Amino acid sequence: MSTTPKNIGVLDTMDNFNVTTGSAVTLSSVVTINRDANLYFVDIADNDVRVTFDGSTPSNTVDSEVGHVLKAGRDYLMYAGMFKTAKLLGIGGTAKIAVTQLNGYA
């Protein structure tokens, strides 16, 4: 039996971009958002990243690490509200990110 949801549709082509340790990237600034998208499939490759959703900027400073860690080699499903405010920062170097916009519900 398949565990793949049958009620989710792909809306757009995949977007690919890099996130470095130098400065945080707001996801909605590097992906042209389809107004019908309510889910985003996000794949993290090569290096871990930090992410914030509350408008704060992720940081790797030893005394004040800020943000959740998204592990390299994993994929994540984000709701539209999370995605539109998400800021990413590379942890150990440049991370390659792939995003596919979806609509439906999980």
PDB file of N, CA and C in Angstrom:
ATOM      1  N   MET A   1       0.837  -1.169   0.000  1.00  0.00           N
ATOM      2  CA  MET A   1       0.000   0.000   0.000  1.00  0.00           C
ATOM      3  C   MET A   1       0.890   1.243   0.000  1.00  0.00           C
ATOM      4  N   SER A   2       0.572   2.199  -0.855  1.00  0.00           N
ATOM      5  CA  SER A   2       1.324   3.443  -0.950  1.00  0.00           C
ATOM      6  C   SER A   2       0.952   4.380   0.189  1.00  0.00           C
ATOM      7  N   THR A   3       1.954   5.084   0.714  1.00  0.00           N
ATOM      8  CA  THR A   3       1.699   6.083   1.744  1.00  0.00           C
ATOM      9  C   THR A   3       1.708   7.497   1.170  1.00  0.00           C
ATOM     10  N   THR A   4       1.861   7.605  -0.159  1.00  0.00           N
ATOM     11  CA  THR A   4       1.880   8.908  -0.800  1.00  0.00           C
ATOM     12  C   THR A   4       0.480   9.507  -0.806  1.00  0.00           C
ATOM     13  N   PRO A   5       0.310  10.719  -0.279  1.00  0.00           N
ATOM     14  CA  PRO A   5      -1.009  11.349  -0.306  1.00  0.00           C
ATOM     15  C   PRO A   5      -1.496  11.513  -1.738  1.00  0.00           C
ATOM     16  N   LYS A   6      -2.752  11.260  -1.981  1.00  0.00           N
ATOM     17  CA  LYS A   6      -3.317  11.329  -3.327  1.00  0.00           C
ATOM     18  C   LYS A   6      -3.953  12.691  -3.610  1.00  0.00           C
ATOM     19  N   ASN A   7      -4.004  13.554  -2.634  1.00  0.00           N
ATOM     20  CA  ASN A   7      -4.719  14.812  -2.756  1.00  0.00           C
ATOM     21  C   ASN A   7      -3.795  16.023  -2.841  1.00  0.00           C
ATOM     22  N   ILE A   8      -2.548  15.824  -3.228  1.00  0.00           N
ATOM     23  CA  ILE A   8      -1.597  16.928  -3.342  1.00  0.00           C
ATOM     24  C   ILE A   8      -1.161  17.045  -4.798  1.00  0.00           C
ATOM     25  N   GLY A   9      -1.237  18.267  -5.330  1.00  0.00           N
ATOM     26  CA  GLY A   9      -0.839  18.495  -6.711  1.00  0.00           C
ATOM     27  C   GLY A   9       0.378  19.395  -6.799  1.00  0.00           C
ATOM     28  N   VAL A  10       1.225  19.149  -7.792  1.00  0.00           N
ATOM     29  CA  VAL A  10       2.401  19.980  -8.041  1.00  0.00           C
ATOM     30  C   VAL A  10       1.955  21.187  -8.849  1.00  0.00           C
ATOM     31  N   LEU A  11       2.330  22.380  -8.406  1.00  0.00           N
ATOM     32  CA  LEU A  11       1.894  23.615  -9.054  1.00  0.00           C
ATOM     33  C   LEU A  11       2.927  24.236  -9.970  1.00  0.00           C
ATOM     34  N   ASP A  12       4.164  23.963  -9.763  1.00  0.00           N
ATOM     35  CA  ASP A  12       5.185  24.724 -10.454  1.00  0.00           C
ATOM     36  C   ASP A  12       6.417  23.851 -10.626  1.00  0.00           C
ATOM     37  N   THR A  13       7.387  24.341 -11.384  1.00  0.00           N
ATOM     38  CA  THR A  13       8.648  23.632 -11.514  1.00  0.00           C
ATOM     39  C   THR A  13       9.457  23.795 -10.229  1.00  0.00           C
ATOM     40  N   MET A  14      10.438  22.949 -10.068  1.00  0.00           N
ATOM     41  CA  MET A  14      11.289  22.999  -8.882  1.00  0.00           C
ATOM     42  C   MET A  14      12.230  24.198  -8.972  1.00  0.00           C
ATOM     43  N   ASP A  15      12.388  24.905  -7.849  1.00  0.00           N
ATOM     44  CA  ASP A  15      13.354  25.990  -7.735  1.00  0.00           C
ATOM     45  C   ASP A  15      14.577  25.465  -6.996  1.00  0.00           C
ATOM     46  N   ASN A  16      15.771  25.827  -7.460  1.00  0.00           N
ATOM     47  CA  ASN A  16      17.022  25.435  -6.820  1.00  0.00           C
ATOM     48  C   ASN A  16      17.839  26.678  -6.519  1.00  0.00           C
ATOM     49  N   PHE A  17      18.436  26.707  -5.330  1.00  0.00           N
ATOM     50  CA  PHE A  17      19.273  27.841  -4.946  1.00  0.00           C
ATOM     51  C   PHE A  17      20.214  27.384  -3.847  1.00  0.00           C
ATOM     52  N   ASN A  18      21.194  28.225  -3.533  1.00  0.00           N
ATOM     53  CA  ASN A  18      22.172  27.921  -2.492  1.00  0.00           C
ATOM     54  C   ASN A  18      21.970  28.826  -1.290  1.00  0.00           C
ATOM     55  N   VAL A  19      22.277  28.286  -0.123  1.00  0.00           N
ATOM     56  CA  VAL A  19      22.263  29.055   1.119  1.00  0.00           C
ATOM     57  C   VAL A  19      23.655  28.932   1.722  1.00  0.00           C
ATOM     58  N   THR A  20      24.271  30.060   2.044  1.00  0.00           N
ATOM     59  CA  THR A  20      25.631  30.052   2.571  1.00  0.00           C
ATOM     60  C   THR A  20      25.638  30.383   4.063  1.00  0.00           C
ATOM     61  N   THR A  21      26.813  30.357   4.630  1.00  0.00           N
ATOM     62  CA  THR A  21      26.984  30.754   6.025  1.00  0.00           C
ATOM     63  C   THR A  21      27.118  32.264   6.158  1.00  0.00           C
ATOM     64  N   GLY A  22      27.243  32.966   5.035  1.00  0.00           N
ATOM     65  CA  GLY A  22      27.495  34.399   5.051  1.00  0.00           C
ATOM     66  C   GLY A  22      26.314  35.270   5.417  1.00  0.00           C
ATOM     67  N   SER A  23      25.125  34.949   4.889  1.00  0.00           N
ATOM     68  CA  SER A  23      23.952  35.758   5.211  1.00  0.00           C
ATOM     69  C   SER A  23      22.688  34.925   5.034  1.00  0.00           C
ATOM     70  N   ALA A  24      21.697  35.227   5.844  1.00  0.00           N
ATOM     71  CA  ALA A  24      20.434  34.495   5.812  1.00  0.00           C
ATOM     72  C   ALA A  24      19.658  34.825   4.547  1.00  0.00           C
ATOM     73  N   VAL A  25      18.910  33.840   4.057  1.00  0.00           N
ATOM     74  CA  VAL A  25      18.079  33.989   2.864  1.00  0.00           C
ATOM     75  C   VAL A  25      16.625  33.780   3.263  1.00  0.00           C
ATOM     76  N   THR A  26      15.758  34.734   2.906  1.00  0.00           N
ATOM     77  CA  THR A  26      14.327  34.556   3.106  1.00  0.00           C
ATOM     78  C   THR A  26      13.803  33.757   1.922  1.00  0.00           C
ATOM     79  N   LEU A  27      13.187  32.599   2.197  1.00  0.00           N
ATOM     80  CA  LEU A  27      12.770  31.709   1.118  1.00  0.00           C
ATOM     81  C   LEU A  27      11.873  32.388   0.106  1.00  0.00           C
ATOM     82  N   SER A  28      10.945  33.217   0.567  1.00  0.00           N
ATOM     83  CA  SER A  28      10.020  33.869  -0.365  1.00  0.00           C
ATOM     84  C   SER A  28      10.705  34.901  -1.263  1.00  0.00           C
ATOM     85  N   SER A  29      11.959  35.243  -0.968  1.00  0.00           N
ATOM     86  CA  SER A  29      12.682  36.187  -1.828  1.00  0.00           C
ATOM     87  C   SER A  29      13.433  35.476  -2.954  1.00  0.00           C
ATOM     88  N   VAL A  30      13.621  34.169  -2.852  1.00  0.00           N
ATOM     89  CA  VAL A  30      14.338  33.429  -3.896  1.00  0.00           C
ATOM     90  C   VAL A  30      13.417  32.502  -4.686  1.00  0.00           C
ATOM     91  N   VAL A  31      12.175  32.370  -4.258  1.00  0.00           N
ATOM     92  CA  VAL A  31      11.192  31.544  -4.950  1.00  0.00           C
ATOM     93  C   VAL A  31      10.003  32.432  -5.312  1.00  0.00           C
ATOM     94  N   THR A  32       9.611  32.426  -6.580  1.00  0.00           N
ATOM     95  CA  THR A  32       8.413  33.150  -6.990  1.00  0.00           C
ATOM     96  C   THR A  32       7.215  32.318  -6.560  1.00  0.00           C
ATOM     97  N   ILE A  33       6.455  32.841  -5.621  1.00  0.00           N
ATOM     98  CA  ILE A  33       5.386  32.073  -4.993  1.00  0.00           C
ATOM     99  C   ILE A  33       4.140  32.033  -5.873  1.00  0.00           C
ATOM    100  N   ASN A  34       3.655  30.834  -6.115  1.00  0.00           N
ATOM    101  CA  ASN A  34       2.392  30.633  -6.807  1.00  0.00           C
ATOM    102  C   ASN A  34       1.283  30.919  -5.803  1.00  0.00           C
ATOM    103  N   ARG A  35       0.343  31.772  -6.129  1.00  0.00           N
ATOM    104  CA  ARG A  35      -0.692  32.189  -5.171  1.00  0.00           C
ATOM    105  C   ARG A  35      -1.579  31.034  -4.712  1.00  0.00           C
ATOM    106  N   ASP A  36      -1.615  29.931  -5.465  1.00  0.00           N
ATOM    107  CA  ASP A  36      -2.425  28.774  -5.089  1.00  0.00           C
ATOM    108  C   ASP A  36      -1.673  27.771  -4.218  1.00  0.00           C
ATOM    109  N   ALA A  37      -0.398  27.989  -4.008  1.00  0.00           N
ATOM    110  CA  ALA A  37       0.404  27.044  -3.208  1.00  0.00           C
ATOM    111  C   ALA A  37       0.050  27.168  -1.734  1.00  0.00           C
ATOM    112  N   ASN A  38      -0.132  26.040  -1.083  1.00  0.00           N
ATOM    113  CA  ASN A  38      -0.321  26.057   0.365  1.00  0.00           C
ATOM    114  C   ASN A  38       0.615  25.084   1.069  1.00  0.00           C
ATOM    115  N   LEU A  39       1.424  24.360   0.288  1.00  0.00           N
ATOM    116  CA  LEU A  39       2.454  23.473   0.823  1.00  0.00           C
ATOM    117  C   LEU A  39       3.720  23.617  -0.011  1.00  0.00           C
ATOM    118  N   TYR A  40       4.855  23.416   0.637  1.00  0.00           N
ATOM    119  CA  TYR A  40       6.133  23.505  -0.047  1.00  0.00           C
ATOM    120  C   TYR A  40       6.986  22.314   0.366  1.00  0.00           C
ATOM    121  N   PHE A  41       7.466  21.566  -0.626  1.00  0.00           N
ATOM    122  CA  PHE A  41       8.356  20.439  -0.385  1.00  0.00           C
ATOM    123  C   PHE A  41       9.775  20.984  -0.496  1.00  0.00           C
ATOM    124  N   VAL A  42      10.532  20.943   0.601  1.00  0.00           N
ATOM    125  CA  VAL A  42      11.858  21.548   0.674  1.00  0.00           C
ATOM    126  C   VAL A  42      12.890  20.454   0.946  1.00  0.00           C
ATOM    127  N   ASP A  43      13.890  20.360   0.082  1.00  0.00           N
ATOM    128  CA  ASP A  43      14.952  19.359   0.206  1.00  0.00           C
ATOM    129  C   ASP A  43      16.263  20.079   0.508  1.00  0.00           C
ATOM    130  N   ILE A  44      16.952  19.627   1.565  1.00  0.00           N
ATOM    131  CA  ILE A  44      18.219  20.225   1.989  1.00  0.00           C
ATOM    132  C   ILE A  44      19.351  19.272   1.588  1.00  0.00           C
ATOM    133  N   ALA A  45      20.297  19.748   0.778  1.00  0.00           N
ATOM    134  CA  ALA A  45      21.417  18.913   0.344  1.00  0.00           C
ATOM    135  C   ALA A  45      22.743  19.522   0.800  1.00  0.00           C
ATOM    136  N   ASP A  46      23.729  18.689   0.970  1.00  0.00           N
ATOM    137  CA  ASP A  46      25.136  19.042   1.218  1.00  0.00           C
ATOM    138  C   ASP A  46      25.485  19.492   2.631  1.00  0.00           C
ATOM    139  N   ASN A  47      24.751  20.424   3.211  1.00  0.00           N
ATOM    140  CA  ASN A  47      25.081  20.938   4.542  1.00  0.00           C
ATOM    141  C   ASN A  47      23.806  21.278   5.300  1.00  0.00           C
ATOM    142  N   ASP A  48      23.869  21.163   6.622  1.00  0.00           N
ATOM    143  CA  ASP A  48      22.739  21.540   7.471  1.00  0.00           C
ATOM    144  C   ASP A  48      22.506  23.045   7.386  1.00  0.00           C
ATOM    145  N   VAL A  49      21.274  23.458   7.690  1.00  0.00           N
ATOM    146  CA  VAL A  49      20.938  24.878   7.738  1.00  0.00           C
ATOM    147  C   VAL A  49      20.161  25.170   9.014  1.00  0.00           C
ATOM    148  N   ARG A  50      20.159  26.415   9.420  1.00  0.00           N
ATOM    149  CA  ARG A  50      19.293  26.894  10.497  1.00  0.00           C
ATOM    150  C   ARG A  50      18.132  27.625   9.857  1.00  0.00           C
ATOM    151  N   VAL A  51      16.944  27.522  10.470  1.00  0.00           N
ATOM    152  CA  VAL A  51      15.767  28.193   9.942  1.00  0.00           C
ATOM    153  C   VAL A  51      14.997  28.860  11.077  1.00  0.00           C
ATOM    154  N   THR A  52      14.472  30.050  10.795  1.00  0.00           N
ATOM    155  CA  THR A  52      13.555  30.720  11.713  1.00  0.00           C
ATOM    156  C   THR A  52      12.275  31.012  10.939  1.00  0.00           C
ATOM    157  N   PHE A  53      11.163  31.116  11.676  1.00  0.00           N
ATOM    158  CA  PHE A  53       9.867  31.394  11.066  1.00  0.00           C
ATOM    159  C   PHE A  53       9.210  32.646  11.654  1.00  0.00           C
ATOM    160  N   ASP A  54       9.843  33.250  12.638  1.00  0.00           N
ATOM    161  CA  ASP A  54       9.214  34.341  13.393  1.00  0.00           C
ATOM    162  C   ASP A  54       9.736  35.729  13.032  1.00  0.00           C
ATOM    163  N   GLY A  55      10.462  35.831  11.936  1.00  0.00           N
ATOM    164  CA  GLY A  55      11.005  37.121  11.527  1.00  0.00           C
ATOM    165  C   GLY A  55      12.418  37.372  12.031  1.00  0.00           C
ATOM    166  N   SER A  56      12.874  36.579  13.004  1.00  0.00           N
ATOM    167  CA  SER A  56      14.242  36.744  13.492  1.00  0.00           C
ATOM    168  C   SER A  56      15.221  36.157  12.470  1.00  0.00           C
ATOM    169  N   THR A  57      16.474  36.526  12.592  1.00  0.00           N
ATOM    170  CA  THR A  57      17.504  36.063  11.677  1.00  0.00           C
ATOM    171  C   THR A  57      18.272  34.911  12.308  1.00  0.00           C
ATOM    172  N   PRO A  58      18.395  33.780  11.585  1.00  0.00           N
ATOM    173  CA  PRO A  58      19.162  32.661  12.135  1.00  0.00           C
ATOM    174  C   PRO A  58      20.624  33.045  12.329  1.00  0.00           C
ATOM    175  N   SER A  59      21.263  32.397  13.299  1.00  0.00           N
ATOM    176  CA  SER A  59      22.646  32.719  13.628  1.00  0.00           C
ATOM    177  C   SER A  59      23.386  31.453  14.035  1.00  0.00           C
ATOM    178  N   ASN A  60      24.670  31.405  13.676  1.00  0.00           N
ATOM    179  CA  ASN A  60      25.547  30.301  14.073  1.00  0.00           C
ATOM    180  C   ASN A  60      26.547  30.713  15.134  1.00  0.00           C
ATOM    181  N   THR A  61      26.389  31.895  15.698  1.00  0.00           N
ATOM    182  CA  THR A  61      27.318  32.377  16.713  1.00  0.00           C
ATOM    183  C   THR A  61      27.300  31.414  17.894  1.00  0.00           C
ATOM    184  N   VAL A  62      28.461  31.010  18.351  1.00  0.00           N
ATOM    185  CA  VAL A  62      28.581  29.999  19.395  1.00  0.00           C
ATOM    186  C   VAL A  62      27.767  30.343  20.636  1.00  0.00           C
ATOM    187  N   ASP A  63      27.814  31.575  21.075  1.00  0.00           N
ATOM    188  CA  ASP A  63      27.110  31.959  22.298  1.00  0.00           C
ATOM    189  C   ASP A  63      25.633  32.254  22.088  1.00  0.00           C
ATOM    190  N   SER A  64      25.209  32.399  20.825  1.00  0.00           N
ATOM    191  CA  SER A  64      23.800  32.724  20.601  1.00  0.00           C
ATOM    192  C   SER A  64      23.296  32.102  19.296  1.00  0.00           C
ATOM    193  N   GLU A  65      23.270  30.766  19.250  1.00  0.00           N
ATOM    194  CA  GLU A  65      22.727  30.091  18.079  1.00  0.00           C
ATOM    195  C   GLU A  65      21.220  30.336  18.035  1.00  0.00           C
ATOM    196  N   VAL A  66      20.731  30.745  16.881  1.00  0.00           N
ATOM    197  CA  VAL A  66      19.318  31.057  16.723  1.00  0.00           C
ATOM    198  C   VAL A  66      18.763  30.236  15.561  1.00  0.00           C
ATOM    199  N   GLY A  67      17.662  29.560  15.774  1.00  0.00           N
ATOM    200  CA  GLY A  67      16.975  28.838  14.707  1.00  0.00           C
ATOM    201  C   GLY A  67      16.962  27.344  14.906  1.00  0.00           C
ATOM    202  N   HIS A  68      16.008  26.721  14.255  1.00  0.00           N
ATOM    203  CA  HIS A  68      15.900  25.264  14.231  1.00  0.00           C
ATOM    204  C   HIS A  68      16.907  24.726  13.222  1.00  0.00           C
ATOM    205  N   VAL A  69      17.410  23.520  13.435  1.00  0.00           N
ATOM    206  CA  VAL A  69      18.351  22.909  12.500  1.00  0.00           C
ATOM    207  C   VAL A  69      17.592  21.988  11.550  1.00  0.00           C
ATOM    208  N   LEU A  70      17.775  22.228  10.244  1.00  0.00           N
ATOM    209  CA  LEU A  70      17.273  21.326   9.216  1.00  0.00           C
ATOM    210  C   LEU A  70      18.475  20.553   8.698  1.00  0.00           C
ATOM    211  N   LYS A  71      18.402  19.243   8.773  1.00  0.00           N
ATOM    212  CA  LYS A  71      19.536  18.384   8.444  1.00  0.00           C
ATOM    213  C   LYS A  71      19.679  18.150   6.944  1.00  0.00           C
ATOM    214  N   ALA A  72      20.915  18.121   6.475  1.00  0.00           N
ATOM    215  CA  ALA A  72      21.214  17.795   5.085  1.00  0.00           C
ATOM    216  C   ALA A  72      20.779  16.359   4.801  1.00  0.00           C
ATOM    217  N   GLY A  73      20.336  16.130   3.584  1.00  0.00           N
ATOM    218  CA  GLY A  73      19.907  14.799   3.197  1.00  0.00           C
ATOM    219  C   GLY A  73      18.471  14.487   3.588  1.00  0.00           C
ATOM    220  N   ARG A  74      17.776  15.470   4.108  1.00  0.00           N
ATOM    221  CA  ARG A  74      16.374  15.289   4.531  1.00  0.00           C
ATOM    222  C   ARG A  74      15.484  16.204   3.712  1.00  0.00           C
ATOM    223  N   ASP A  75      14.213  15.910   3.715  1.00  0.00           N
ATOM    224  CA  ASP A  75      13.245  16.796   3.077  1.00  0.00           C
ATOM    225  C   ASP A  75      12.187  17.164   4.097  1.00  0.00           C
ATOM    226  N   TYR A  76      11.560  18.311   3.870  1.00  0.00           N
ATOM    227  CA  TYR A  76      10.612  18.873   4.820  1.00  0.00           C
ATOM    228  C   TYR A  76       9.399  19.389   4.061  1.00  0.00           C
ATOM    229  N   LEU A  77       8.228  19.257   4.645  1.00  0.00           N
ATOM    230  CA  LEU A  77       6.998  19.799   4.100  1.00  0.00           C
ATOM    231  C   LEU A  77       6.622  20.998   4.946  1.00  0.00           C
ATOM    232  N   MET A  78       6.549  22.169   4.316  1.00  0.00           N
ATOM    233  CA  MET A  78       6.224  23.401   5.036  1.00  0.00           C
ATOM    234  C   MET A  78       4.881  23.933   4.559  1.00  0.00           C
ATOM    235  N   TYR A  79       4.091  24.420   5.494  1.00  0.00           N
ATOM    236  CA  TYR A  79       2.854  25.109   5.148  1.00  0.00           C
ATOM    237  C   TYR A  79       3.188  26.503   4.641  1.00  0.00           C
ATOM    238  N   ALA A  80       2.267  27.108   3.898  1.00  0.00           N
ATOM    239  CA  ALA A  80       2.517  28.405   3.258  1.00  0.00           C
ATOM    240  C   ALA A  80       2.955  29.481   4.249  1.00  0.00           C
ATOM    241  N   GLY A  81       2.281  29.581   5.389  1.00  0.00           N
ATOM    242  CA  GLY A  81       2.640  30.600   6.372  1.00  0.00           C
ATOM    243  C   GLY A  81       4.062  30.451   6.881  1.00  0.00           C
ATOM    244  N   MET A  82       4.504  29.206   7.082  1.00  0.00           N
ATOM    245  CA  MET A  82       5.876  28.946   7.517  1.00  0.00           C
ATOM    246  C   MET A  82       6.863  29.328   6.421  1.00  0.00           C
ATOM    247  N   PHE A  83       6.561  28.888   5.202  1.00  0.00           N
ATOM    248  CA  PHE A  83       7.473  29.088   4.089  1.00  0.00           C
ATOM    249  C   PHE A  83       7.691  30.570   3.799  1.00  0.00           C
ATOM    250  N   LYS A  84       6.613  31.336   3.800  1.00  0.00           N
ATOM    251  CA  LYS A  84       6.706  32.743   3.426  1.00  0.00           C
ATOM    252  C   LYS A  84       7.520  33.576   4.404  1.00  0.00           C
ATOM    253  N   THR A  85       7.675  33.117   5.644  1.00  0.00           N
ATOM    254  CA  THR A  85       8.467  33.854   6.633  1.00  0.00           C
ATOM    255  C   THR A  85       9.806  33.189   6.936  1.00  0.00           C
ATOM    256  N   ALA A  86      10.054  32.007   6.385  1.00  0.00           N
ATOM    257  CA  ALA A  86      11.263  31.245   6.709  1.00  0.00           C
ATOM    258  C   ALA A  86      12.526  31.942   6.223  1.00  0.00           C
ATOM    259  N   LYS A  87      13.519  31.991   7.113  1.00  0.00           N
ATOM    260  CA  LYS A  87      14.851  32.485   6.764  1.00  0.00           C
ATOM    261  C   LYS A  87      15.827  31.355   7.024  1.00  0.00           C
ATOM    262  N   LEU A  88      16.715  31.085   6.052  1.00  0.00           N
ATOM    263  CA  LEU A  88      17.692  30.005   6.156  1.00  0.00           C
ATOM    264  C   LEU A  88      19.106  30.550   6.191  1.00  0.00           C
ATOM    265  N   LEU A  89      19.964  29.859   6.928  1.00  0.00           N
ATOM    266  CA  LEU A  89      21.386  30.185   7.009  1.00  0.00           C
ATOM    267  C   LEU A  89      22.168  28.884   7.032  1.00  0.00           C
ATOM    268  N   GLY A  90      23.176  28.761   6.174  1.00  0.00           N
ATOM    269  CA  GLY A  90      24.009  27.566   6.167  1.00  0.00           C
ATOM    270  C   GLY A  90      24.780  27.434   7.473  1.00  0.00           C
ATOM    271  N   ILE A  91      25.026  26.185   7.885  1.00  0.00           N
ATOM    272  CA  ILE A  91      25.764  25.946   9.123  1.00  0.00           C
ATOM    273  C   ILE A  91      27.230  25.629   8.851  1.00  0.00           C
ATOM    274  N   GLY A  92      27.514  24.625   8.029  1.00  0.00           N
ATOM    275  CA  GLY A  92      28.895  24.210   7.833  1.00  0.00           C
ATOM    276  C   GLY A  92      29.437  24.500   6.460  1.00  0.00           C
ATOM    277  N   GLY A  93      28.765  25.320   5.714  1.00  0.00           N
ATOM    278  CA  GLY A  93      29.157  25.633   4.349  1.00  0.00           C
ATOM    279  C   GLY A  93      27.910  25.865   3.518  1.00  0.00           C
ATOM    280  N   THR A  94      28.077  25.878   2.216  1.00  0.00           N
ATOM    281  CA  THR A  94      26.963  26.125   1.314  1.00  0.00           C
ATOM    282  C   THR A  94      26.048  24.912   1.245  1.00  0.00           C
ATOM    283  N   ALA A  95      24.749  25.152   1.373  1.00  0.00           N
ATOM    284  CA  ALA A  95      23.743  24.101   1.241  1.00  0.00           C
ATOM    285  C   ALA A  95      22.941  24.343  -0.027  1.00  0.00           C
ATOM    286  N   LYS A  96      22.715  23.278  -0.783  1.00  0.00           N
ATOM    287  CA  LYS A  96      21.859  23.364  -1.959  1.00  0.00           C
ATOM    288  C   LYS A  96      20.438  23.050  -1.520  1.00  0.00           C
ATOM    289  N   ILE A  97      19.497  23.907  -1.938  1.00  0.00           N
ATOM    290  CA  ILE A  97      18.103  23.774  -1.543  1.00  0.00           C
ATOM    291  C   ILE A  97      17.252  23.601  -2.803  1.00  0.00           C
ATOM    292  N   ALA A  98      16.307  22.681  -2.749  1.00  0.00           N
ATOM    293  CA  ALA A  98      15.338  22.499  -3.835  1.00  0.00           C
ATOM    294  C   ALA A  98      13.945  22.655  -3.239  1.00  0.00           C
ATOM    295  N   VAL A  99      13.080  23.398  -3.930  1.00  0.00           N
ATOM    296  CA  VAL A  99      11.718  23.654  -3.449  1.00  0.00           C
ATOM    297  C   VAL A  99      10.722  23.360  -4.570  1.00  0.00           C
ATOM    298  N   THR A 100       9.667  22.604  -4.250  1.00  0.00           N
ATOM    299  CA  THR A 100       8.555  22.387  -5.156  1.00  0.00           C
ATOM    300  C   THR A 100       7.285  22.874  -4.475  1.00  0.00           C
ATOM    301  N   GLN A 101       6.514  23.696  -5.189  1.00  0.00           N
ATOM    302  CA  GLN A 101       5.279  24.233  -4.646  1.00  0.00           C
ATOM    303  C   GLN A 101       4.119  23.265  -4.923  1.00  0.00           C
ATOM    304  N   LEU A 102       3.282  23.107  -3.911  1.00  0.00           N
ATOM    305  CA  LEU A 102       2.184  22.143  -3.978  1.00  0.00           C
ATOM    306  C   LEU A 102       0.882  22.792  -3.540  1.00  0.00           C
ATOM    307  N   ASN A 103      -0.239  22.159  -3.881  1.00  0.00           N
ATOM    308  CA  ASN A 103      -1.498  22.557  -3.270  1.00  0.00           C
ATOM    309  C   ASN A 103      -2.264  21.294  -2.888  1.00  0.00           C
ATOM    310  N   GLY A 104      -3.126  21.438  -1.935  1.00  0.00           N
ATOM    311  CA  GLY A 104      -3.854  20.301  -1.389  1.00  0.00           C
ATOM    312  C   GLY A 104      -3.624  20.228   0.090  1.00  0.00           C
ATOM    313  N   TYR A 105      -3.765  19.052   0.648  1.00  0.00           N
ATOM    314  CA  TYR A 105      -3.496  18.864   2.068  1.00  0.00           C
ATOM    315  C   TYR A 105      -2.849  17.517   2.283  1.00  0.00           C
ATOM    316  N   ALA A 106      -2.007  17.451   3.305  1.00  0.00           N
ATOM    317  CA  ALA A 106      -1.232  16.239   3.584  1.00  0.00           C
ATOM    318  C   ALA A 106      -2.067  15.236   4.348  1.00  0.00           C
TER     319      ALA A 106
END
